[in-house]
C-alpha atoms as a PDB file:
ATOM      1  CA  MET A   1      35.042 -57.519  27.565  1.00  0.00           C
ATOM      2  CA  THR A   2      38.196 -59.198  28.830  1.00  0.00           C
ATOM      3  CA  THR A   3      40.313 -57.870  31.650  1.00  0.00           C
ATOM      4  CA  PRO A   4      44.064 -57.488  31.085  1.00  0.00           C
ATOM      5  CA  ALA A   5      46.620 -59.599  32.890  1.00  0.00           C
ATOM      6  CA  PRO A   6      48.014 -58.555  36.305  1.00  0.00           C
ATOM      7  CA  ALA A   7      49.770 -55.193  36.285  1.00  0.00           C
ATOM      8  CA  HIS A   8      53.404 -56.333  36.683  1.00  0.00           C
ATOM      9  CA  ARG A   9      54.288 -59.159  34.359  1.00  0.00           C
ATOM     10  CA  HIS A  10      57.290 -60.246  32.324  1.00  0.00           C
ATOM     11  CA  VAL A  11      56.529 -60.314  28.612  1.00  0.00           C
ATOM     12  CA  TRP A  12      58.126 -60.588  25.209  1.00  0.00           C
ATOM     13  CA  VAL A  13      57.485 -57.455  23.129  1.00  0.00           C
ATOM     14  CA  ASP A  14      57.293 -57.468  19.329  1.00  0.00           C
ATOM     15  CA  CYS A  15      59.929 -54.942  18.237  1.00  0.00           C
ATOM     16  CA  SER A  16      60.859 -53.605  14.819  1.00  0.00           C
ATOM     17  CA  GLY A  17      62.685 -55.859  12.404  1.00  0.00           C
ATOM     18  CA  GLY A  18      60.847 -58.987  13.525  1.00  0.00           C
ATOM     19  CA  TYR A  19      62.678 -59.158  16.855  1.00  0.00           C
ATOM     20  CA  THR A  20      61.240 -59.720  20.304  1.00  0.00           C
ATOM     21  CA  CYS A  21      62.601 -57.899  23.329  1.00  0.00           C
ATOM     22  CA  PRO A  22      62.197 -58.721  27.026  1.00  0.00           C
ATOM     23  CA  GLY A  23      59.848 -56.371  28.833  1.00  0.00           C
ATOM     24  CA  LEU A  24      58.051 -55.713  32.088  1.00  0.00           C
ATOM     25  CA  VAL A  25      54.455 -54.462  32.129  1.00  0.00           C
ATOM     26  CA  MET A  26      54.212 -51.495  34.491  1.00  0.00           C
ATOM     27  CA  ALA A  27      50.593 -50.350  33.927  1.00  0.00           C
ATOM     28  CA  TRP A  28      47.519 -50.853  31.729  1.00  0.00           C
ATOM     29  CA  ARG A  29      45.150 -48.421  30.028  1.00  0.00           C
ATOM     30  CA  ARG A  30      42.329 -48.707  27.576  1.00  0.00           C
ATOM     31  CA  ASP A  31      41.806 -46.322  24.689  1.00  0.00           C
ATOM     32  CA  PRO A  32      39.430 -46.455  21.691  1.00  0.00           C
ATOM     33  CA  SER A  33      41.784 -48.846  19.845  1.00  0.00           C
ATOM     34  CA  GLY A  34      41.919 -51.344  22.751  1.00  0.00           C
ATOM     35  CA  TRP A  35      44.187 -52.247  25.657  1.00  0.00           C
ATOM     36  CA  GLN A  36      47.716 -50.872  25.904  1.00  0.00           C
ATOM     37  CA  ALA A  37      50.446 -51.641  28.395  1.00  0.00           C
ATOM     38  CA  GLN A  38      53.130 -49.320  29.655  1.00  0.00           C
ATOM     39  CA  VAL A  39      56.179 -51.516  29.166  1.00  0.00           C
ATOM     40  CA  ALA A  40      59.782 -51.137  30.237  1.00  0.00           C
ATOM     41  CA  LEU A  41      61.791 -52.965  27.599  1.00  0.00           C
ATOM     42  CA  VAL A  42      65.432 -53.580  26.864  1.00  0.00           C
ATOM     43  CA  ARG A  43      66.935 -53.124  23.420  1.00  0.00           C
ATOM     44  CA  HIS A  44      70.666 -53.746  23.255  1.00  0.00           C
ATOM     45  CA  THR A  45      71.951 -51.764  26.265  1.00  0.00           C
ATOM     46  CA  THR A  46      69.109 -49.242  26.545  1.00  0.00           C
ATOM     47  CA  VAL A  47      65.914 -49.387  28.613  1.00  0.00           C
ATOM     48  CA  PHE A  48      62.795 -47.796  27.104  1.00  0.00           C
ATOM     49  CA  VAL A  49      59.420 -47.145  28.723  1.00  0.00           C
ATOM     50  CA  GLN A  50      56.585 -46.923  26.221  1.00  0.00           C
ATOM     51  CA  TRP A  51      52.880 -47.590  25.677  1.00  0.00           C
ATOM     52  CA  THR A  52      52.490 -50.732  23.569  1.00  0.00           C
ATOM     53  CA  PRO A  53      49.346 -52.366  22.148  1.00  0.00           C
ATOM     54  CA  ALA A  54      48.423 -55.549  24.020  1.00  0.00           C
ATOM     55  CA  SER A  55      48.521 -57.434  20.706  1.00  0.00           C
ATOM     56  CA  ALA A  56      52.326 -56.884  20.588  1.00  0.00           C
ATOM     57  CA  LEU A  57      52.865 -58.579  23.978  1.00  0.00           C
ATOM     58  CA  HIS A  58      53.444 -62.263  24.651  1.00  0.00           C
ATOM     59  CA  PRO A  59      53.591 -63.605  28.224  1.00  0.00           C
ATOM     60  CA  VAL A  60      56.773 -65.272  29.422  1.00  0.00           C
ATOM     61  CA  VAL A  61      55.868 -68.869  30.173  1.00  0.00           C
ATOM     62  CA  ASP A  62      57.569 -70.743  32.983  1.00  0.00           C
ATOM     63  CA  ASP A  63      59.196 -73.721  31.306  1.00  0.00           C
ATOM     64  CA  GLY A  64      60.068 -75.301  34.645  1.00  0.00           C
ATOM     65  CA  TRP A  65      63.796 -74.750  34.188  1.00  0.00           C
ATOM     66  CA  ASP A  66      65.524 -74.289  37.520  1.00  0.00           C
ATOM     67  CA  PRO A  67      69.166 -73.112  37.425  1.00  0.00           C
ATOM     68  CA  THR A  68      69.724 -74.247  41.021  1.00  0.00           C
ATOM     69  CA  PRO A  69      72.097 -77.259  41.083  1.00  0.00           C
ATOM     70  CA  ARG A  70      70.534 -80.418  42.474  1.00  0.00           C
ATOM     71  CA  ARG A  71      72.313 -82.436  45.141  1.00  0.00           C
ATOM     72  CA  PRO A  72      72.162 -86.235  44.896  1.00  0.00           C
END
């Protein structure tokens, strides 16, 4: 048995039409089908909160990009 990731985490959520939407995991639960996350996600200009299977979530990976300007 694996334990889910920390409770609050930024993720990409598989949405309908083959799109991914940005989301924030708010809580976890386990049911007979497996782990689910309660996710707040943004589609267009609307925020939804829904239970989503863990298989539809992809963690946001820090690519090291830093928008802060560097001084010489």
